[in-house]
C-alpha atoms as a PDB file:
ATOM      1  CA  MET A   1     -43.395  16.344  31.004  1.00  0.00           C
ATOM      2  CA  VAL A   2     -41.193  13.993  29.238  1.00  0.00           C
ATOM      3  CA  GLU A   3     -38.484  12.329  31.342  1.00  0.00           C
ATOM      4  CA  LYS A   4     -34.961  13.198  30.032  1.00  0.00           C
ATOM      5  CA  ILE A   5     -32.765  10.240  29.328  1.00  0.00           C
ATOM      6  CA  LYS A   6     -29.261   9.529  28.212  1.00  0.00           C
ATOM      7  CA  ILE A   7     -28.679   6.822  25.408  1.00  0.00           C
ATOM      8  CA  THR A   8     -26.001   4.674  25.737  1.00  0.00           C
ATOM      9  CA  VAL A   9     -24.607   1.904  23.306  1.00  0.00           C
ATOM     10  CA  ASN A  10     -23.410  -1.593  23.779  1.00  0.00           C
ATOM     11  CA  GLU A  11     -20.285  -1.438  21.485  1.00  0.00           C
ATOM     12  CA  ASP A  12     -20.170  -5.283  21.693  1.00  0.00           C
ATOM     13  CA  LYS A  13     -23.415  -5.412  20.086  1.00  0.00           C
ATOM     14  CA  CYS A  14     -23.204  -2.526  17.684  1.00  0.00           C
ATOM     15  CA  TYR A  15     -21.945  -2.857  14.207  1.00  0.00           C
ATOM     16  CA  LEU A  16     -22.464   0.757  13.188  1.00  0.00           C
ATOM     17  CA  CYS A  17     -25.049   0.256  10.811  1.00  0.00           C
ATOM     18  CA  GLY A  18     -26.478   3.928  11.228  1.00  0.00           C
ATOM     19  CA  GLY A  19     -30.284   2.729  11.864  1.00  0.00           C
ATOM     20  CA  CYS A  20     -30.569   4.623  14.971  1.00  0.00           C
ATOM     21  CA  ALA A  21     -29.151   7.815  13.570  1.00  0.00           C
ATOM     22  CA  GLY A  22     -31.292   7.586  10.426  1.00  0.00           C
ATOM     23  CA  VAL A  23     -34.501   7.750  12.599  1.00  0.00           C
ATOM     24  CA  CYS A  24     -33.508  10.382  15.152  1.00  0.00           C
ATOM     25  CA  PRO A  25     -35.683  13.384  14.560  1.00  0.00           C
ATOM     26  CA  SER A  26     -33.367  15.683  16.366  1.00  0.00           C
ATOM     27  CA  LEU A  27     -30.263  14.292  15.090  1.00  0.00           C
ATOM     28  CA  ALA A  28     -28.746  13.447  18.478  1.00  0.00           C
ATOM     29  CA  ILE A  29     -26.768  10.403  17.164  1.00  0.00           C
ATOM     30  CA  LYS A  30     -24.141  10.275  14.653  1.00  0.00           C
ATOM     31  CA  VAL A  31     -22.605   6.974  13.413  1.00  0.00           C
ATOM     32  CA  SER A  32     -19.422   6.876  11.118  1.00  0.00           C
ATOM     33  CA  SER A  33     -17.625   3.817   9.789  1.00  0.00           C
ATOM     34  CA  SER A  34     -15.396   3.950  13.038  1.00  0.00           C
ATOM     35  CA  LYS A  35     -17.734   5.094  16.030  1.00  0.00           C
ATOM     36  CA  TRP A  36     -20.866   6.001  17.489  1.00  0.00           C
ATOM     37  CA  GLU A  37     -21.695   9.266  19.142  1.00  0.00           C
ATOM     38  CA  PHE A  38     -24.631  10.873  21.262  1.00  0.00           C
ATOM     39  CA  PHE A  39     -25.262  14.410  21.674  1.00  0.00           C
ATOM     40  CA  GLN A  40     -27.190  14.991  24.835  1.00  0.00           C
ATOM     41  CA  ASP A  41     -28.089  18.474  24.266  1.00  0.00           C
ATOM     42  CA  LYS A  42     -30.087  17.702  21.120  1.00  0.00           C
ATOM     43  CA  CYS A  43     -31.832  14.364  22.450  1.00  0.00           C
ATOM     44  CA  ILE A  44     -35.751  14.784  22.845  1.00  0.00           C
ATOM     45  CA  SER A  45     -35.990  11.584  24.899  1.00  0.00           C
ATOM     46  CA  CYS A  46     -38.239   9.897  22.306  1.00  0.00           C
ATOM     47  CA  LYS A  47     -36.515   6.554  22.218  1.00  0.00           C
ATOM     48  CA  ILE A  48     -37.275   5.963  18.481  1.00  0.00           C
ATOM     49  CA  CYS A  49     -33.480   5.155  18.195  1.00  0.00           C
ATOM     50  CA  ILE A  50     -33.909   2.179  20.700  1.00  0.00           C
ATOM     51  CA  SER A  51     -36.668   0.531  18.524  1.00  0.00           C
ATOM     52  CA  ALA A  52     -34.785   1.063  15.325  1.00  0.00           C
ATOM     53  CA  CYS A  53     -31.662  -0.881  16.408  1.00  0.00           C
ATOM     54  CA  PRO A  54     -31.674  -4.233  14.688  1.00  0.00           C
ATOM     55  CA  VAL A  55     -29.528  -5.935  17.279  1.00  0.00           C
ATOM     56  CA  GLY A  56     -30.691  -4.204  20.341  1.00  0.00           C
ATOM     57  CA  ALA A  57     -27.380  -2.281  21.147  1.00  0.00           C
ATOM     58  CA  LEU A  58     -29.023   0.754  22.625  1.00  0.00           C
ATOM     59  CA  ASN A  59     -30.183   1.368  26.072  1.00  0.00           C
ATOM     60  CA  PHE A  60     -30.993   4.339  28.018  1.00  0.00           C
ATOM     61  CA  GLU A  61     -30.903   5.731  31.541  1.00  0.00           C
ATOM     62  CA  PRO A  62     -32.909   8.574  33.272  1.00  0.00           C
ATOM     63  CA  LEU A  63     -31.062  11.789  33.996  1.00  0.00           C
ATOM     64  CA  GLU A  64     -31.157  13.166  37.411  1.00  0.00           C
ATOM     65  CA  GLY A  65     -32.154  16.778  37.805  1.00  0.00           C
END
C-alpha cells in the first residue's frame, strides 16, 4: 500500500517553471504565471514531481489517517 502524502512548495525557491506539473501523471499540480496549486484529491503519491523540480522547491509530508 502506498503511503498517501501531501506535496508542499517552498515559495521562496519556486520560480513557477511548471516542471513539476509537466511530469505529474495525475494532473495534481497546476502552475500558472502567478501561482502554484496542488490538488490533493488527484495525487497518487508517486513523488515524481519532487524529482522533477530543478531547484528543490517541493517537499512532502505524510497524511494521517
